[in-house]
Amino acid sequence: MKNKSKINYKLYLVTNRDLLKNISLTEAVEEAIKGGTTLVQLREKNVSSLEFYNIAKSIKKVTDKYDIPLIIDDRLDIALAVDAAGLHVGQSDMPAIIARKLLGENKILGVSAHTIDEALKAEKDGADYIGTGAIFTTTTKKDAENVSIKSLKEITEKVHIPVVAIGGINQENVKMLKGTGISGISVISSILGKNDIKKASEDLNKCINFI
């Protein structure tokens, strides 16, 4: 894995197989990477541990091929089992401070934070980056808390680690995030929900030249 300080969070893809149109997840991830996706998070909420492990192994072959970090959502055991680049946890998942101890210092740890206090605690507990949102209305995460653009900017100003904005971000609204100090955007449907995944990734990349 590349040096943690050199990780590029600019276009951070979170997976959701339900959005795919006549394409496998491995193919979709590869197309997204070809279009400029810089980091991939594998998110699977409704599969067995064995299935998650097998999916993670297949996705890691693709991310390794392009030297793109693979982050596993929530499941520390899967992240360790496939030697993923890192783990992402939410506020109701394993505490970040415990995840950091079990992951070790060389792996990436991301933490979801909706407030300045949560972001500062995540940083103190060992997070390498913060995922903040939902910035805009999203249909892919029903229980997402909303975070205003003003609050997003306040979080980026308070923490000393990268902040990635997530939630309903697309080509039309992404320019509203200019000047917030984010290190990247995290998207799902704006790439995986499109017929041409590579082009969707390329088009988003062009829209976020301010990052």
C-alpha atoms as a PDB file:
ATOM      1  CA  MET A   1       0.000   0.000   0.000  1.00  0.00           C
ATOM      2  CA  LYS A   2       1.165   3.514  -0.750  1.00  0.00           C
ATOM      3  CA  ASN A   3       2.262   5.807   2.077  1.00  0.00           C
ATOM      4  CA  LYS A   4      -0.773   6.918   4.110  1.00  0.00           C
ATOM      5  CA  SER A   5       0.194  10.576   3.777  1.00  0.00           C
ATOM      6  CA  LYS A   6      -0.006  10.253  -0.008  1.00  0.00           C
ATOM      7  CA  ILE A   7      -3.510   8.778  -0.207  1.00  0.00           C
ATOM      8  CA  ASN A   8      -5.654  10.656  -2.705  1.00  0.00           C
ATOM      9  CA  TYR A   9      -9.214  11.117  -1.377  1.00  0.00           C
ATOM     10  CA  LYS A  10     -10.399  13.240  -4.312  1.00  0.00           C
ATOM     11  CA  LEU A  11     -12.916  10.798  -5.837  1.00  0.00           C
ATOM     12  CA  TYR A  12     -13.917   8.207  -3.255  1.00  0.00           C
ATOM     13  CA  LEU A  13     -16.281   5.490  -4.510  1.00  0.00           C
ATOM     14  CA  VAL A  14     -18.526   3.591  -2.090  1.00  0.00           C
ATOM     15  CA  THR A  15     -19.994   0.415  -3.560  1.00  0.00           C
ATOM     16  CA  ASN A  16     -23.631  -0.609  -3.805  1.00  0.00           C
ATOM     17  CA  ARG A  17     -24.350  -3.617  -6.011  1.00  0.00           C
ATOM     18  CA  ASP A  18     -28.069  -2.843  -6.114  1.00  0.00           C
ATOM     19  CA  LEU A  19     -27.406   0.102  -8.445  1.00  0.00           C
ATOM     20  CA  LEU A  20     -25.524  -1.834 -11.107  1.00  0.00           C
ATOM     21  CA  LYS A  21     -26.971  -2.291 -14.580  1.00  0.00           C
ATOM     22  CA  ASN A  22     -25.873  -5.496 -16.363  1.00  0.00           C
ATOM     23  CA  ILE A  23     -22.331  -5.331 -15.014  1.00  0.00           C
ATOM     24  CA  SER A  24     -20.546  -7.113 -12.185  1.00  0.00           C
ATOM     25  CA  LEU A  25     -19.205  -5.206  -9.207  1.00  0.00           C
ATOM     26  CA  THR A  26     -15.617  -6.040 -10.115  1.00  0.00           C
ATOM     27  CA  GLU A  27     -16.170  -4.728 -13.648  1.00  0.00           C
ATOM     28  CA  ALA A  28     -17.904  -1.614 -12.308  1.00  0.00           C
ATOM     29  CA  VAL A  29     -15.077  -0.853  -9.885  1.00  0.00           C
ATOM     30  CA  GLU A  30     -12.504  -1.279 -12.642  1.00  0.00           C
ATOM     31  CA  GLU A  31     -14.429   1.058 -14.968  1.00  0.00           C
ATOM     32  CA  ALA A  32     -14.703   3.653 -12.186  1.00  0.00           C
ATOM     33  CA  ILE A  33     -10.964   3.467 -11.527  1.00  0.00           C
ATOM     34  CA  LYS A  34     -10.234   3.831 -15.244  1.00  0.00           C
ATOM     35  CA  GLY A  35     -12.326   6.997 -15.139  1.00  0.00           C
ATOM     36  CA  GLY A  36     -10.359   8.489 -12.268  1.00  0.00           C
ATOM     37  CA  THR A  37     -11.730   7.064  -9.015  1.00  0.00           C
ATOM     38  CA  THR A  38      -8.907   7.379  -6.478  1.00  0.00           C
ATOM     39  CA  LEU A  39     -10.153   5.264  -3.571  1.00  0.00           C
ATOM     40  CA  VAL A  40     -12.739   2.473  -3.170  1.00  0.00           C
ATOM     41  CA  GLN A  41     -14.803   1.501  -0.136  1.00  0.00           C
ATOM     42  CA  LEU A  42     -16.478  -1.906  -0.240  1.00  0.00           C
ATOM     43  CA  ARG A  43     -19.813  -1.711   1.525  1.00  0.00           C
ATOM     44  CA  GLU A  44     -21.914  -4.858   1.969  1.00  0.00           C
ATOM     45  CA  LYS A  45     -24.707  -4.903   4.532  1.00  0.00           C
ATOM     46  CA  ASN A  46     -26.789  -7.929   3.568  1.00  0.00           C
ATOM     47  CA  VAL A  47     -24.403 -10.789   2.865  1.00  0.00           C
ATOM     48  CA  SER A  48     -22.835 -13.579   4.891  1.00  0.00           C
ATOM     49  CA  SER A  49     -19.290 -13.218   6.182  1.00  0.00           C
ATOM     50  CA  LEU A  50     -18.093 -15.753   3.632  1.00  0.00           C
ATOM     51  CA  GLU A  51     -19.726 -13.897   0.751  1.00  0.00           C
ATOM     52  CA  PHE A  52     -18.328 -10.560   1.949  1.00  0.00           C
ATOM     53  CA  TYR A  53     -14.869 -12.131   2.173  1.00  0.00           C
ATOM     54  CA  ASN A  54     -15.086 -13.537  -1.358  1.00  0.00           C
ATOM     55  CA  ILE A  55     -16.375 -10.241  -2.786  1.00  0.00           C
ATOM     56  CA  ALA A  56     -13.594  -8.365  -0.989  1.00  0.00           C
ATOM     57  CA  LYS A  57     -10.947 -10.699  -2.428  1.00  0.00           C
ATOM     58  CA  SER A  58     -12.222 -10.150  -5.968  1.00  0.00           C
ATOM     59  CA  ILE A  59     -12.425  -6.365  -5.574  1.00  0.00           C
ATOM     60  CA  LYS A  60      -8.939  -6.228  -4.042  1.00  0.00           C
ATOM     61  CA  LYS A  61      -7.494  -7.901  -7.145  1.00  0.00           C
ATOM     62  CA  VAL A  62      -8.823  -4.965  -9.155  1.00  0.00           C
ATOM     63  CA  THR A  63      -7.734  -2.228  -6.743  1.00  0.00           C
ATOM     64  CA  ASP A  64      -4.276  -3.790  -6.390  1.00  0.00           C
ATOM     65  CA  LYS A  65      -3.932  -3.894 -10.180  1.00  0.00           C
ATOM     66  CA  TYR A  66      -4.313  -0.102 -10.310  1.00  0.00           C
ATOM     67  CA  ASP A  67      -2.629   0.650  -6.952  1.00  0.00           C
ATOM     68  CA  ILE A  68      -5.868   2.075  -5.556  1.00  0.00           C
ATOM     69  CA  PRO A  69      -6.508   1.696  -1.787  1.00  0.00           C
ATOM     70  CA  LEU A  70      -9.402  -0.584  -0.800  1.00  0.00           C
ATOM     71  CA  ILE A  71     -11.283   0.379   2.354  1.00  0.00           C
ATOM     72  CA  ILE A  72     -13.704  -2.067   3.973  1.00  0.00           C
ATOM     73  CA  ASP A  73     -16.850  -0.628   5.533  1.00  0.00           C
ATOM     74  CA  ASP A  74     -17.519  -1.608   9.153  1.00  0.00           C
ATOM     75  CA  ARG A  75     -16.070  -5.139   9.100  1.00  0.00           C
ATOM     76  CA  LEU A  76     -12.646  -5.182  10.734  1.00  0.00           C
ATOM     77  CA  ASP A  77     -12.405  -8.962  10.325  1.00  0.00           C
ATOM     78  CA  ILE A  78     -12.871  -8.735   6.556  1.00  0.00           C
ATOM     79  CA  ALA A  79     -10.401  -5.847   6.280  1.00  0.00           C
ATOM     80  CA  LEU A  80      -7.753  -7.892   8.086  1.00  0.00           C
ATOM     81  CA  ALA A  81      -8.605 -11.142   6.290  1.00  0.00           C
ATOM     82  CA  VAL A  82      -8.014  -9.699   2.809  1.00  0.00           C
ATOM     83  CA  ASP A  83      -5.247  -7.297   3.909  1.00  0.00           C
ATOM     84  CA  ALA A  84      -7.239  -4.280   2.724  1.00  0.00           C
ATOM     85  CA  ALA A  85      -5.679  -0.823   2.871  1.00  0.00           C
ATOM     86  CA  GLY A  86      -8.025   0.146   5.661  1.00  0.00           C
ATOM     87  CA  LEU A  87     -11.362   0.263   7.438  1.00  0.00           C
ATOM     88  CA  HIS A  88     -14.199   2.778   7.707  1.00  0.00           C
ATOM     89  CA  VAL A  89     -16.422   2.911  10.789  1.00  0.00           C
ATOM     90  CA  GLY A  90     -19.532   4.880  11.651  1.00  0.00           C
ATOM     91  CA  GLN A  91     -20.668   6.294  14.962  1.00  0.00           C
ATOM     92  CA  SER A  92     -22.596   3.105  15.806  1.00  0.00           C
ATOM     93  CA  ASP A  93     -19.822   0.723  14.728  1.00  0.00           C
ATOM     94  CA  MET A  94     -16.709  -0.387  16.611  1.00  0.00           C
ATOM     95  CA  PRO A  95     -15.138   2.599  18.442  1.00  0.00           C
ATOM     96  CA  ALA A  96     -12.378   4.180  16.391  1.00  0.00           C
ATOM     97  CA  ILE A  97      -9.868   3.944  19.228  1.00  0.00           C
ATOM     98  CA  ILE A  98     -10.341   0.139  19.373  1.00  0.00           C
ATOM     99  CA  ALA A  99     -10.327  -0.207  15.594  1.00  0.00           C
ATOM    100  CA  ARG A 100      -7.024   1.663  15.452  1.00  0.00           C
ATOM    101  CA  LYS A 101      -5.418  -0.665  18.010  1.00  0.00           C
ATOM    102  CA  LEU A 102      -6.535  -3.759  16.120  1.00  0.00           C
ATOM    103  CA  LEU A 103      -5.719  -2.389  12.665  1.00  0.00           C
ATOM    104  CA  GLY A 104      -2.273  -1.158  13.573  1.00  0.00           C
ATOM    105  CA  GLU A 105      -0.720   2.148  12.598  1.00  0.00           C
ATOM    106  CA  ASN A 106       0.003   1.289   8.967  1.00  0.00           C
ATOM    107  CA  LYS A 107      -3.614   0.858   7.862  1.00  0.00           C
ATOM    108  CA  ILE A 108      -6.040   3.647   6.938  1.00  0.00           C
ATOM    109  CA  LEU A 109      -8.853   4.332   9.386  1.00  0.00           C
ATOM    110  CA  GLY A 110     -11.820   6.432   8.307  1.00  0.00           C
ATOM    111  CA  VAL A 111     -14.591   7.571  10.634  1.00  0.00           C
ATOM    112  CA  SER A 112     -18.009   9.054   9.855  1.00  0.00           C
ATOM    113  CA  ALA A 113     -18.652  12.290  11.756  1.00  0.00           C
ATOM    114  CA  HIS A 114     -21.631  14.632  11.630  1.00  0.00           C
ATOM    115  CA  THR A 115     -20.510  17.256  14.143  1.00  0.00           C
ATOM    116  CA  ILE A 116     -17.311  19.059  15.110  1.00  0.00           C
ATOM    117  CA  ASP A 117     -17.183  17.142  18.401  1.00  0.00           C
ATOM    118  CA  GLU A 118     -17.459  13.779  16.617  1.00  0.00           C
ATOM    119  CA  ALA A 119     -14.785  14.813  14.110  1.00  0.00           C
ATOM    120  CA  LEU A 120     -12.364  15.978  16.806  1.00  0.00           C
ATOM    121  CA  LYS A 121     -12.885  12.777  18.801  1.00  0.00           C
ATOM    122  CA  ALA A 122     -12.309  10.672  15.679  1.00  0.00           C
ATOM    123  CA  GLU A 123      -9.060  12.513  14.995  1.00  0.00           C
ATOM    124  CA  LYS A 124      -7.932  12.050  18.602  1.00  0.00           C
ATOM    125  CA  ASP A 125      -8.830   8.346  18.470  1.00  0.00           C
ATOM    126  CA  GLY A 126      -6.628   7.729  15.460  1.00  0.00           C
ATOM    127  CA  ALA A 127      -8.678   8.416  12.344  1.00  0.00           C
ATOM    128  CA  ASP A 128      -6.741   9.193   9.153  1.00  0.00           C
ATOM    129  CA  TYR A 129      -9.722  10.889   7.524  1.00  0.00           C
ATOM    130  CA  ILE A 130     -13.292  11.952   8.300  1.00  0.00           C
ATOM    131  CA  GLY A 131     -16.362  11.173   6.186  1.00  0.00           C
ATOM    132  CA  THR A 132     -18.957  13.919   6.674  1.00  0.00           C
ATOM    133  CA  GLY A 133     -22.551  13.979   5.438  1.00  0.00           C
ATOM    134  CA  ALA A 134     -25.152  13.633   4.197  1.00  0.00           C
ATOM    135  CA  ILE A 135     -24.477  16.990   2.548  1.00  0.00           C
ATOM    136  CA  PHE A 136     -27.343  16.665   0.097  1.00  0.00           C
ATOM    137  CA  THR A 137     -30.417  14.421   0.107  1.00  0.00           C
ATOM    138  CA  THR A 138     -29.455  10.833  -0.614  1.00  0.00           C
ATOM    139  CA  THR A 139     -31.513   7.762  -1.471  1.00  0.00           C
ATOM    140  CA  THR A 140     -28.750   5.212  -0.934  1.00  0.00           C
ATOM    141  CA  LYS A 141     -28.522   5.649   2.848  1.00  0.00           C
ATOM    142  CA  LYS A 142     -31.954   6.001   4.396  1.00  0.00           C
ATOM    143  CA  ASP A 143     -30.750   6.805   7.931  1.00  0.00           C
ATOM    144  CA  ALA A 144     -28.200   9.435   6.916  1.00  0.00           C
ATOM    145  CA  GLU A 145     -28.070  12.563   9.087  1.00  0.00           C
ATOM    146  CA  ASN A 146     -27.916  15.838   7.193  1.00  0.00           C
ATOM    147  CA  VAL A 147     -24.880  18.102   7.556  1.00  0.00           C
ATOM    148  CA  SER A 148     -25.000  21.655   6.218  1.00  0.00           C
ATOM    149  CA  ILE A 149     -22.280  23.030   3.956  1.00  0.00           C
ATOM    150  CA  LYS A 150     -21.531  25.564   6.701  1.00  0.00           C
ATOM    151  CA  SER A 151     -21.000  22.743   9.222  1.00  0.00           C
ATOM    152  CA  LEU A 152     -18.847  20.875   6.716  1.00  0.00           C
ATOM    153  CA  LYS A 153     -16.585  23.899   6.374  1.00  0.00           C
ATOM    154  CA  GLU A 154     -16.380  24.286  10.158  1.00  0.00           C
ATOM    155  CA  ILE A 155     -15.301  20.647  10.483  1.00  0.00           C
ATOM    156  CA  THR A 156     -12.553  21.006   7.861  1.00  0.00           C
ATOM    157  CA  GLU A 157     -11.279  24.081   9.691  1.00  0.00           C
ATOM    158  CA  LYS A 158     -11.126  22.320  13.077  1.00  0.00           C
ATOM    159  CA  VAL A 159      -9.479  18.996  12.228  1.00  0.00           C
ATOM    160  CA  HIS A 160      -5.991  18.428  10.856  1.00  0.00           C
ATOM    161  CA  ILE A 161      -6.817  15.335   8.791  1.00  0.00           C
ATOM    162  CA  PRO A 162      -8.575  15.051   5.396  1.00  0.00           C
ATOM    163  CA  VAL A 163     -12.352  15.468   5.284  1.00  0.00           C
ATOM    164  CA  VAL A 164     -14.400  13.751   2.592  1.00  0.00           C
ATOM    165  CA  ALA A 165     -17.924  15.016   1.865  1.00  0.00           C
ATOM    166  CA  ILE A 166     -20.611  12.401   1.238  1.00  0.00           C
ATOM    167  CA  GLY A 167     -24.316  12.265   0.497  1.00  0.00           C
ATOM    168  CA  GLY A 168     -26.217  13.020  -2.689  1.00  0.00           C
ATOM    169  CA  ILE A 169     -23.238  14.629  -4.426  1.00  0.00           C
ATOM    170  CA  ASN A 170     -23.438  14.840  -8.217  1.00  0.00           C
ATOM    171  CA  GLN A 171     -22.170  16.885 -11.160  1.00  0.00           C
ATOM    172  CA  GLU A 172     -24.854  19.524 -10.653  1.00  0.00           C
ATOM    173  CA  ASN A 173     -24.340  20.310  -6.959  1.00  0.00           C
ATOM    174  CA  VAL A 174     -20.663  19.495  -6.370  1.00  0.00           C
ATOM    175  CA  LYS A 175     -19.548  23.059  -7.200  1.00  0.00           C
ATOM    176  CA  MET A 176     -21.412  24.197  -4.070  1.00  0.00           C
ATOM    177  CA  LEU A 177     -18.640  22.531  -2.058  1.00  0.00           C
ATOM    178  CA  LYS A 178     -15.944  24.786  -3.465  1.00  0.00           C
ATOM    179  CA  GLY A 179     -14.187  26.645  -0.654  1.00  0.00           C
ATOM    180  CA  THR A 180     -15.187  24.178   2.073  1.00  0.00           C
ATOM    181  CA  GLY A 181     -11.663  22.801   2.407  1.00  0.00           C
ATOM    182  CA  ILE A 182     -12.601  19.185   1.689  1.00  0.00           C
ATOM    183  CA  SER A 183     -10.030  16.713   0.410  1.00  0.00           C
ATOM    184  CA  GLY A 184     -12.514  14.784  -1.676  1.00  0.00           C
ATOM    185  CA  ILE A 185     -16.063  13.696  -2.386  1.00  0.00           C
ATOM    186  CA  SER A 186     -17.555  10.286  -1.713  1.00  0.00           C
ATOM    187  CA  VAL A 187     -20.173   9.060  -4.159  1.00  0.00           C
ATOM    188  CA  ILE A 188     -22.257   5.992  -4.881  1.00  0.00           C
ATOM    189  CA  SER A 189     -25.085   6.475  -7.366  1.00  0.00           C
ATOM    190  CA  SER A 190     -23.384   9.331  -9.260  1.00  0.00           C
ATOM    191  CA  ILE A 191     -21.016   6.697 -10.617  1.00  0.00           C
ATOM    192  CA  LEU A 192     -22.515   3.241 -10.097  1.00  0.00           C
ATOM    193  CA  GLY A 193     -26.027   4.315 -11.061  1.00  0.00           C
ATOM    194  CA  LYS A 194     -24.931   5.454 -14.521  1.00  0.00           C
ATOM    195  CA  ASN A 195     -24.954   3.451 -17.750  1.00  0.00           C
ATOM    196  CA  ASP A 196     -21.366   4.450 -18.555  1.00  0.00           C
ATOM    197  CA  ILE A 197     -19.466   4.151 -15.289  1.00  0.00           C
ATOM    198  CA  LYS A 198     -16.080   5.158 -16.687  1.00  0.00           C
ATOM    199  CA  LYS A 199     -17.524   8.324 -18.234  1.00  0.00           C
ATOM    200  CA  ALA A 200     -19.432   9.154 -15.027  1.00  0.00           C
ATOM    201  CA  SER A 201     -16.175   8.946 -13.102  1.00  0.00           C
ATOM    202  CA  GLU A 202     -14.378  11.079 -15.695  1.00  0.00           C
ATOM    203  CA  ASP A 203     -17.140  13.702 -15.689  1.00  0.00           C
ATOM    204  CA  LEU A 204     -17.141  13.971 -11.890  1.00  0.00           C
ATOM    205  CA  ASN A 205     -13.380  14.338 -11.919  1.00  0.00           C
ATOM    206  CA  LYS A 206     -13.667  17.330 -14.217  1.00  0.00           C
ATOM    207  CA  CYS A 207     -16.198  18.921 -11.846  1.00  0.00           C
ATOM    208  CA  ILE A 208     -13.949  18.660  -8.793  1.00  0.00           C
ATOM    209  CA  ASN A 209     -10.848  20.373 -10.148  1.00  0.00           C
ATOM    210  CA  PHE A 210     -11.143  22.776  -7.166  1.00  0.00           C
ATOM    211  CA  ILE A 211     -10.022  20.003  -4.787  1.00  0.00           C
END
